[in-house]
All heavy atoms as atom14 arrays in JSON, in Angstrom:
{
  "sequence": "PSSFEPCGIGQMVAQAYGTLPIVRYTGGLADTVA",
  "atom14_mask": [
    [1, 1, 1, 1, 1, 1, 1, 0, 0, 0, 0, 0, 0, 0],
    [1, 1, 1, 1, 1, 1, 0, 0, 0, 0, 0, 0, 0, 0],
    [1, 1, 1, 1, 1, 1, 0, 0, 0, 0, 0, 0, 0, 0],
    [1, 1, 1, 1, 1, 1, 1, 1, 1, 1, 1, 0, 0, 0],
    [1, 1, 1, 1, 1, 1, 1, 1, 1, 0, 0, 0, 0, 0],
    [1, 1, 1, 1, 1, 1, 1, 0, 0, 0, 0, 0, 0, 0],
    [1, 1, 1, 1, 1, 1, 0, 0, 0, 0, 0, 0, 0, 0],
    [1, 1, 1, 1, 0, 0, 0, 0, 0, 0, 0, 0, 0, 0],
    [1, 1, 1, 1, 1, 1, 1, 1, 0, 0, 0, 0, 0, 0],
    [1, 1, 1, 1, 0, 0, 0, 0, 0, 0, 0, 0, 0, 0],
    [1, 1, 1, 1, 1, 1, 1, 1, 1, 0, 0, 0, 0, 0],
    [1, 1, 1, 1, 1, 1, 1, 1, 0, 0, 0, 0, 0, 0],
    [1, 1, 1, 1, 1, 1, 1, 0, 0, 0, 0, 0, 0, 0],
    [1, 1, 1, 1, 1, 0, 0, 0, 0, 0, 0, 0, 0, 0],
    [1, 1, 1, 1, 1, 1, 1, 1, 1, 0, 0, 0, 0, 0],
    [1, 1, 1, 1, 1, 0, 0, 0, 0, 0, 0, 0, 0, 0],
    [1, 1, 1, 1, 1, 1, 1, 1, 1, 1, 1, 1, 0, 0],
    [1, 1, 1, 1, 0, 0, 0, 0, 0, 0, 0, 0, 0, 0],
    [1, 1, 1, 1, 1, 1, 1, 0, 0, 0, 0, 0, 0, 0],
    [1, 1, 1, 1, 1, 1, 1, 1, 0, 0, 0, 0, 0, 0],
    [1, 1, 1, 1, 1, 1, 1, 0, 0, 0, 0, 0, 0, 0],
    [1, 1, 1, 1, 1, 1, 1, 1, 0, 0, 0, 0, 0, 0],
    [1, 1, 1, 1, 1, 1, 1, 0, 0, 0, 0, 0, 0, 0],
    [1, 1, 1, 1, 1, 1, 1, 1, 1, 1, 1, 0, 0, 0],
    [1, 1, 1, 1, 1, 1, 1, 1, 1, 1, 1, 1, 0, 0],
    [1, 1, 1, 1, 1, 1, 1, 0, 0, 0, 0, 0, 0, 0],
    [1, 1, 1, 1, 0, 0, 0, 0, 0, 0, 0, 0, 0, 0],
    [1, 1, 1, 1, 0, 0, 0, 0, 0, 0, 0, 0, 0, 0],
    [1, 1, 1, 1, 1, 1, 1, 1, 0, 0, 0, 0, 0, 0],
    [1, 1, 1, 1, 1, 0, 0, 0, 0, 0, 0, 0, 0, 0],
    [1, 1, 1, 1, 1, 1, 1, 1, 0, 0, 0, 0, 0, 0],
    [1, 1, 1, 1, 1, 1, 1, 0, 0, 0, 0, 0, 0, 0],
    [1, 1, 1, 1, 1, 1, 1, 0, 0, 0, 0, 0, 0, 0],
    [1, 1, 1, 1, 1, 0, 0, 0, 0, 0, 0, 0, 0, 0]
  ],
  "atom14_positions": [
    [[166.59, 61.08, 65.66], [166.91, 59.75, 65.14], [168.41, 59.52, 64.99], [168.91, 59.16, 63.92], [166.21, 59.76, 63.78], [166.35, 61.18, 63.32], [166.28, 62.04, 64.58], [0.0, 0.0, 0.0], [0.0, 0.0, 0.0], [0.0, 0.0, 0.0], [0.0, 0.0, 0.0], [0.0, 0.0, 0.0], [0.0, 0.0, 0.0], [0.0, 0.0, 0.0]],
    [[169.16, 59.68, 66.05], [170.62, 59.71, 65.98], [171.21, 58.34, 65.64], [170.7, 57.3, 66.07], [171.2, 60.18, 67.31], [170.68, 61.45, 67.68], [0.0, 0.0, 0.0], [0.0, 0.0, 0.0], [0.0, 0.0, 0.0], [0.0, 0.0, 0.0], [0.0, 0.0, 0.0], [0.0, 0.0, 0.0], [0.0, 0.0, 0.0], [0.0, 0.0, 0.0]],
    [[172.33, 58.35, 64.93], [173.06, 57.11, 64.69], [173.72, 56.63, 65.98], [173.81, 55.44, 66.25], [174.11, 57.3, 63.6], [175.05, 58.29, 63.97], [0.0, 0.0, 0.0], [0.0, 0.0, 0.0], [0.0, 0.0, 0.0], [0.0, 0.0, 0.0], [0.0, 0.0, 0.0], [0.0, 0.0, 0.0], [0.0, 0.0, 0.0], [0.0, 0.0, 0.0]],
    [[174.2, 57.57, 66.79], [174.63, 57.28, 68.15], [174.36, 58.51, 68.99], [174.32, 59.64, 68.5], [176.11, 56.88, 68.21], [177.09, 58.0, 67.98], [177.61, 58.73, 69.04], [177.48, 58.34, 66.7], [178.51, 59.76, 68.84], [178.38, 59.38, 66.47], [178.9, 60.08, 67.53], [0.0, 0.0, 0.0], [0.0, 0.0, 0.0], [0.0, 0.0, 0.0]],
    [[174.13, 58.31, 70.26], [173.82, 59.43, 71.16], [174.19, 58.99, 72.58], [173.45, 58.27, 73.23], [172.33, 59.76, 71.09], [171.97, 61.11, 71.68], [172.52, 62.27, 70.84], [172.16, 62.38, 69.67], [173.32, 63.05, 71.42], [0.0, 0.0, 0.0], [0.0, 0.0, 0.0], [0.0, 0.0, 0.0], [0.0, 0.0, 0.0], [0.0, 0.0, 0.0]],
    [[175.37, 59.4, 73.05], [175.79, 58.97, 74.39], [174.72, 59.16, 75.45], [174.47, 58.28, 76.26], [177.02, 59.85, 74.66], [177.6, 60.06, 73.28], [176.41, 60.21, 72.38], [0.0, 0.0, 0.0], [0.0, 0.0, 0.0], [0.0, 0.0, 0.0], [0.0, 0.0, 0.0], [0.0, 0.0, 0.0], [0.0, 0.0, 0.0], [0.0, 0.0, 0.0]],
    [[174.08, 60.31, 75.48], [172.93, 60.51, 76.36], [171.83, 61.25, 75.62], [170.76, 60.73, 75.38], [173.31, 61.25, 77.64], [171.87, 61.49, 78.72], [0.0, 0.0, 0.0], [0.0, 0.0, 0.0], [0.0, 0.0, 0.0], [0.0, 0.0, 0.0], [0.0, 0.0, 0.0], [0.0, 0.0, 0.0], [0.0, 0.0, 0.0], [0.0, 0.0, 0.0]],
    [[172.13, 62.48, 75.24], [171.11, 63.32, 74.65], [170.4, 64.12, 75.71], [170.08, 63.6, 76.79], [0.0, 0.0, 0.0], [0.0, 0.0, 0.0], [0.0, 0.0, 0.0], [0.0, 0.0, 0.0], [0.0, 0.0, 0.0], [0.0, 0.0, 0.0], [0.0, 0.0, 0.0], [0.0, 0.0, 0.0], [0.0, 0.0, 0.0], [0.0, 0.0, 0.0]],
    [[170.17, 65.36, 75.43], [169.44, 66.25, 76.31], [168.08, 66.59, 75.7], [167.06, 66.67, 76.4], [170.24, 67.55, 76.54], [171.54, 67.26, 77.3], [169.41, 68.58, 77.3], [171.36, 66.81, 78.72], [0.0, 0.0, 0.0], [0.0, 0.0, 0.0], [0.0, 0.0, 0.0], [0.0, 0.0, 0.0], [0.0, 0.0, 0.0], [0.0, 0.0, 0.0]],
    [[168.05, 66.74, 74.37], [166.86, 67.22, 73.69], [165.62, 66.39, 73.97], [164.53, 66.94, 74.14], [0.0, 0.0, 0.0], [0.0, 0.0, 0.0], [0.0, 0.0, 0.0], [0.0, 0.0, 0.0], [0.0, 0.0, 0.0], [0.0, 0.0, 0.0], [0.0, 0.0, 0.0], [0.0, 0.0, 0.0], [0.0, 0.0, 0.0], [0.0, 0.0, 0.0]],
    [[165.79, 65.06, 74.03], [164.61, 64.23, 74.24], [164.0, 64.45, 75.63], [162.78, 64.4, 75.8], [164.94, 62.75, 74.02], [165.63, 62.02, 75.16], [167.13, 62.29, 75.25], [167.66, 63.18, 74.61], [167.81, 61.49, 76.05], [0.0, 0.0, 0.0], [0.0, 0.0, 0.0], [0.0, 0.0, 0.0], [0.0, 0.0, 0.0], [0.0, 0.0, 0.0]],
    [[164.86, 64.73, 76.62], [164.35, 64.96, 77.97], [163.74, 66.35, 78.1], [162.75, 66.54, 78.8], [165.47, 64.74, 79.0], [165.91, 63.3, 79.1], [167.1, 63.0, 80.44], [168.62, 63.55, 79.65], [0.0, 0.0, 0.0], [0.0, 0.0, 0.0], [0.0, 0.0, 0.0], [0.0, 0.0, 0.0], [0.0, 0.0, 0.0], [0.0, 0.0, 0.0]],
    [[164.35, 67.33, 77.42], [163.76, 68.67, 77.4], [162.38, 68.62, 76.74], [161.42, 69.21, 77.23], [164.68, 69.66, 76.66], [164.0, 71.02, 76.52], [166.01, 69.81, 77.4], [0.0, 0.0, 0.0], [0.0, 0.0, 0.0], [0.0, 0.0, 0.0], [0.0, 0.0, 0.0], [0.0, 0.0, 0.0], [0.0, 0.0, 0.0], [0.0, 0.0, 0.0]],
    [[162.29, 67.9, 75.62], [161.01, 67.77, 74.93], [159.95, 67.2, 75.88], [158.82, 67.71, 75.95], [161.17, 66.88, 73.71], [0.0, 0.0, 0.0], [0.0, 0.0, 0.0], [0.0, 0.0, 0.0], [0.0, 0.0, 0.0], [0.0, 0.0, 0.0], [0.0, 0.0, 0.0], [0.0, 0.0, 0.0], [0.0, 0.0, 0.0], [0.0, 0.0, 0.0]],
    [[160.31, 66.17, 76.61], [159.35, 65.57, 77.54], [158.88, 66.58, 78.59], [157.71, 66.59, 78.97], [159.98, 64.35, 78.23], [160.14, 63.16, 77.3], [161.02, 62.06, 77.89], [161.85, 62.31, 78.76], [160.85, 60.84, 77.39], [0.0, 0.0, 0.0], [0.0, 0.0, 0.0], [0.0, 0.0, 0.0], [0.0, 0.0, 0.0], [0.0, 0.0, 0.0]],
    [[159.78, 67.45, 79.02], [159.42, 68.46, 80.02], [158.37, 69.43, 79.51], [157.67, 70.08, 80.3], [160.66, 69.23, 80.48], [0.0, 0.0, 0.0], [0.0, 0.0, 0.0], [0.0, 0.0, 0.0], [0.0, 0.0, 0.0], [0.0, 0.0, 0.0], [0.0, 0.0, 0.0], [0.0, 0.0, 0.0], [0.0, 0.0, 0.0], [0.0, 0.0, 0.0]],
    [[158.24, 69.54, 78.17], [157.24, 70.42, 77.56], [156.05, 69.65, 76.99], [155.27, 70.21, 76.22], [157.9, 71.27, 76.47], [158.82, 72.34, 77.02], [160.12, 72.03, 77.4], [158.38, 73.65, 77.19], [160.97, 72.99, 77.93], [159.23, 74.62, 77.71], [160.51, 74.29, 78.08], [161.35, 75.25, 78.61], [0.0, 0.0, 0.0], [0.0, 0.0, 0.0]],
    [[155.94, 68.36, 77.34], [154.83, 67.57, 76.84], [154.94, 67.27, 75.36], [153.93, 67.02, 74.7], [0.0, 0.0, 0.0], [0.0, 0.0, 0.0], [0.0, 0.0, 0.0], [0.0, 0.0, 0.0], [0.0, 0.0, 0.0], [0.0, 0.0, 0.0], [0.0, 0.0, 0.0], [0.0, 0.0, 0.0], [0.0, 0.0, 0.0], [0.0, 0.0, 0.0]],
    [[156.15, 67.27, 74.85], [156.41, 66.97, 73.44], [157.01, 65.56, 73.36], [158.01, 65.28, 74.02], [157.38, 68.0, 72.85], [156.76, 69.29, 72.91], [157.73, 67.69, 71.41], [0.0, 0.0, 0.0], [0.0, 0.0, 0.0], [0.0, 0.0, 0.0], [0.0, 0.0, 0.0], [0.0, 0.0, 0.0], [0.0, 0.0, 0.0], [0.0, 0.0, 0.0]],
    [[156.42, 64.7, 72.56], [156.84, 63.3, 72.51], [158.09, 63.15, 71.64], [158.06, 63.46, 70.45], [155.73, 62.41, 71.95], [154.62, 61.96, 72.9], [153.89, 63.12, 73.55], [153.65, 61.03, 72.18], [0.0, 0.0, 0.0], [0.0, 0.0, 0.0], [0.0, 0.0, 0.0], [0.0, 0.0, 0.0], [0.0, 0.0, 0.0], [0.0, 0.0, 0.0]],
    [[159.2, 62.67, 72.21], [160.4, 62.47, 71.4], [160.27, 61.23, 70.51], [159.71, 60.21, 70.91], [161.51, 62.28, 72.43], [160.82, 61.86, 73.68], [159.44, 62.41, 73.64], [0.0, 0.0, 0.0], [0.0, 0.0, 0.0], [0.0, 0.0, 0.0], [0.0, 0.0, 0.0], [0.0, 0.0, 0.0], [0.0, 0.0, 0.0], [0.0, 0.0, 0.0]],
    [[160.77, 61.35, 69.3], [160.89, 60.23, 68.37], [162.37, 59.93, 68.24], [163.13, 60.74, 67.7], [160.27, 60.57, 67.0], [158.77, 60.85, 67.14], [160.51, 59.43, 66.0], [158.11, 61.32, 65.85], [0.0, 0.0, 0.0], [0.0, 0.0, 0.0], [0.0, 0.0, 0.0], [0.0, 0.0, 0.0], [0.0, 0.0, 0.0], [0.0, 0.0, 0.0]],
    [[162.82, 58.79, 68.75], [164.24, 58.52, 68.89], [164.6, 57.16, 68.31], [163.77, 56.27, 68.2], [164.68, 58.56, 70.36], [164.29, 59.88, 71.03], [164.1, 57.38, 71.15], [0.0, 0.0, 0.0], [0.0, 0.0, 0.0], [0.0, 0.0, 0.0], [0.0, 0.0, 0.0], [0.0, 0.0, 0.0], [0.0, 0.0, 0.0], [0.0, 0.0, 0.0]],
    [[165.86, 57.04, 67.93], [166.41, 55.71, 67.68], [166.93, 55.18, 69.01], [167.56, 55.91, 69.78], [167.55, 55.78, 66.66], [168.2, 54.42, 66.45], [169.22, 54.42, 65.33], [169.89, 53.13, 65.3], [171.09, 52.89, 65.83], [171.74, 53.87, 66.43], [171.62, 51.68, 65.76], [0.0, 0.0, 0.0], [0.0, 0.0, 0.0], [0.0, 0.0, 0.0]],
    [[166.67, 53.91, 69.28], [167.09, 53.33, 70.54], [168.6, 53.11, 70.55], [169.11, 52.07, 70.14], [166.37, 52.01, 70.79], [164.9, 52.12, 71.1], [163.98, 51.3, 70.46], [164.42, 53.04, 72.04], [162.62, 51.38, 70.76], [163.08, 53.13, 72.34], [162.17, 52.3, 71.69], [160.84, 52.39, 71.99], [0.0, 0.0, 0.0], [0.0, 0.0, 0.0]],
    [[169.33, 54.1, 71.02], [170.77, 54.02, 71.18], [171.18, 54.87, 72.37], [170.54, 55.89, 72.66], [171.5, 54.49, 69.9], [172.92, 54.34, 70.08], [171.21, 55.96, 69.59], [0.0, 0.0, 0.0], [0.0, 0.0, 0.0], [0.0, 0.0, 0.0], [0.0, 0.0, 0.0], [0.0, 0.0, 0.0], [0.0, 0.0, 0.0], [0.0, 0.0, 0.0]],
    [[172.22, 54.47, 73.1], [172.73, 55.26, 74.21], [171.66, 55.71, 75.17], [170.76, 54.95, 75.55], [0.0, 0.0, 0.0], [0.0, 0.0, 0.0], [0.0, 0.0, 0.0], [0.0, 0.0, 0.0], [0.0, 0.0, 0.0], [0.0, 0.0, 0.0], [0.0, 0.0, 0.0], [0.0, 0.0, 0.0], [0.0, 0.0, 0.0], [0.0, 0.0, 0.0]],
    [[171.74, 56.98, 75.56], [170.79, 57.52, 76.51], [169.38, 57.64, 75.98], [168.43, 57.75, 76.76], [0.0, 0.0, 0.0], [0.0, 0.0, 0.0], [0.0, 0.0, 0.0], [0.0, 0.0, 0.0], [0.0, 0.0, 0.0], [0.0, 0.0, 0.0], [0.0, 0.0, 0.0], [0.0, 0.0, 0.0], [0.0, 0.0, 0.0], [0.0, 0.0, 0.0]],
    [[169.21, 57.64, 74.66], [167.86, 57.68, 74.1], [167.1, 56.42, 74.5], [165.9, 56.48, 74.8], [167.93, 57.81, 72.58], [168.65, 59.05, 72.04], [168.67, 59.04, 70.52], [168.01, 60.33, 72.55], [0.0, 0.0, 0.0], [0.0, 0.0, 0.0], [0.0, 0.0, 0.0], [0.0, 0.0, 0.0], [0.0, 0.0, 0.0], [0.0, 0.0, 0.0]],
    [[167.79, 55.29, 74.51], [167.15, 54.04, 74.93], [166.84, 54.04, 76.42], [165.89, 53.37, 76.86], [168.05, 52.86, 74.58], [0.0, 0.0, 0.0], [0.0, 0.0, 0.0], [0.0, 0.0, 0.0], [0.0, 0.0, 0.0], [0.0, 0.0, 0.0], [0.0, 0.0, 0.0], [0.0, 0.0, 0.0], [0.0, 0.0, 0.0], [0.0, 0.0, 0.0]],
    [[167.62, 54.8, 77.2], [167.41, 54.83, 78.66], [166.32, 55.79, 79.08], [165.83, 55.7, 80.22], [168.72, 55.23, 79.36], [169.79, 54.17, 79.24], [169.46, 52.98, 79.28], [170.97, 54.54, 79.09], [0.0, 0.0, 0.0], [0.0, 0.0, 0.0], [0.0, 0.0, 0.0], [0.0, 0.0, 0.0], [0.0, 0.0, 0.0], [0.0, 0.0, 0.0]],
    [[165.93, 56.73, 78.22], [165.03, 57.8, 78.65], [163.68, 57.81, 77.94], [162.79, 58.54, 78.36], [165.69, 59.18, 78.43], [166.13, 59.28, 77.06], [166.88, 59.37, 79.35], [0.0, 0.0, 0.0], [0.0, 0.0, 0.0], [0.0, 0.0, 0.0], [0.0, 0.0, 0.0], [0.0, 0.0, 0.0], [0.0, 0.0, 0.0], [0.0, 0.0, 0.0]],
    [[163.54, 57.03, 76.87], [162.28, 57.03, 76.11], [161.69, 55.62, 76.1], [162.34, 54.67, 75.65], [162.5, 57.52, 74.67], [161.2, 57.42, 73.87], [163.0, 58.96, 74.67], [0.0, 0.0, 0.0], [0.0, 0.0, 0.0], [0.0, 0.0, 0.0], [0.0, 0.0, 0.0], [0.0, 0.0, 0.0], [0.0, 0.0, 0.0], [0.0, 0.0, 0.0]],
    [[160.47, 55.51, 76.61], [159.71, 54.27, 76.54], [158.72, 54.41, 75.4], [157.82, 55.25, 75.43], [158.98, 54.01, 77.86], [0.0, 0.0, 0.0], [0.0, 0.0, 0.0], [0.0, 0.0, 0.0], [0.0, 0.0, 0.0], [0.0, 0.0, 0.0], [0.0, 0.0, 0.0], [0.0, 0.0, 0.0], [0.0, 0.0, 0.0], [0.0, 0.0, 0.0]]
  ]
}
């Protein structure tokens, strides 16, 4: 739930393991999580 996140790697790694990321829509988090 980052206040800002230029891209972020953790959310994409989580997806690779079938783990659903819970993110704030900012930076790359908004680009990678639907």
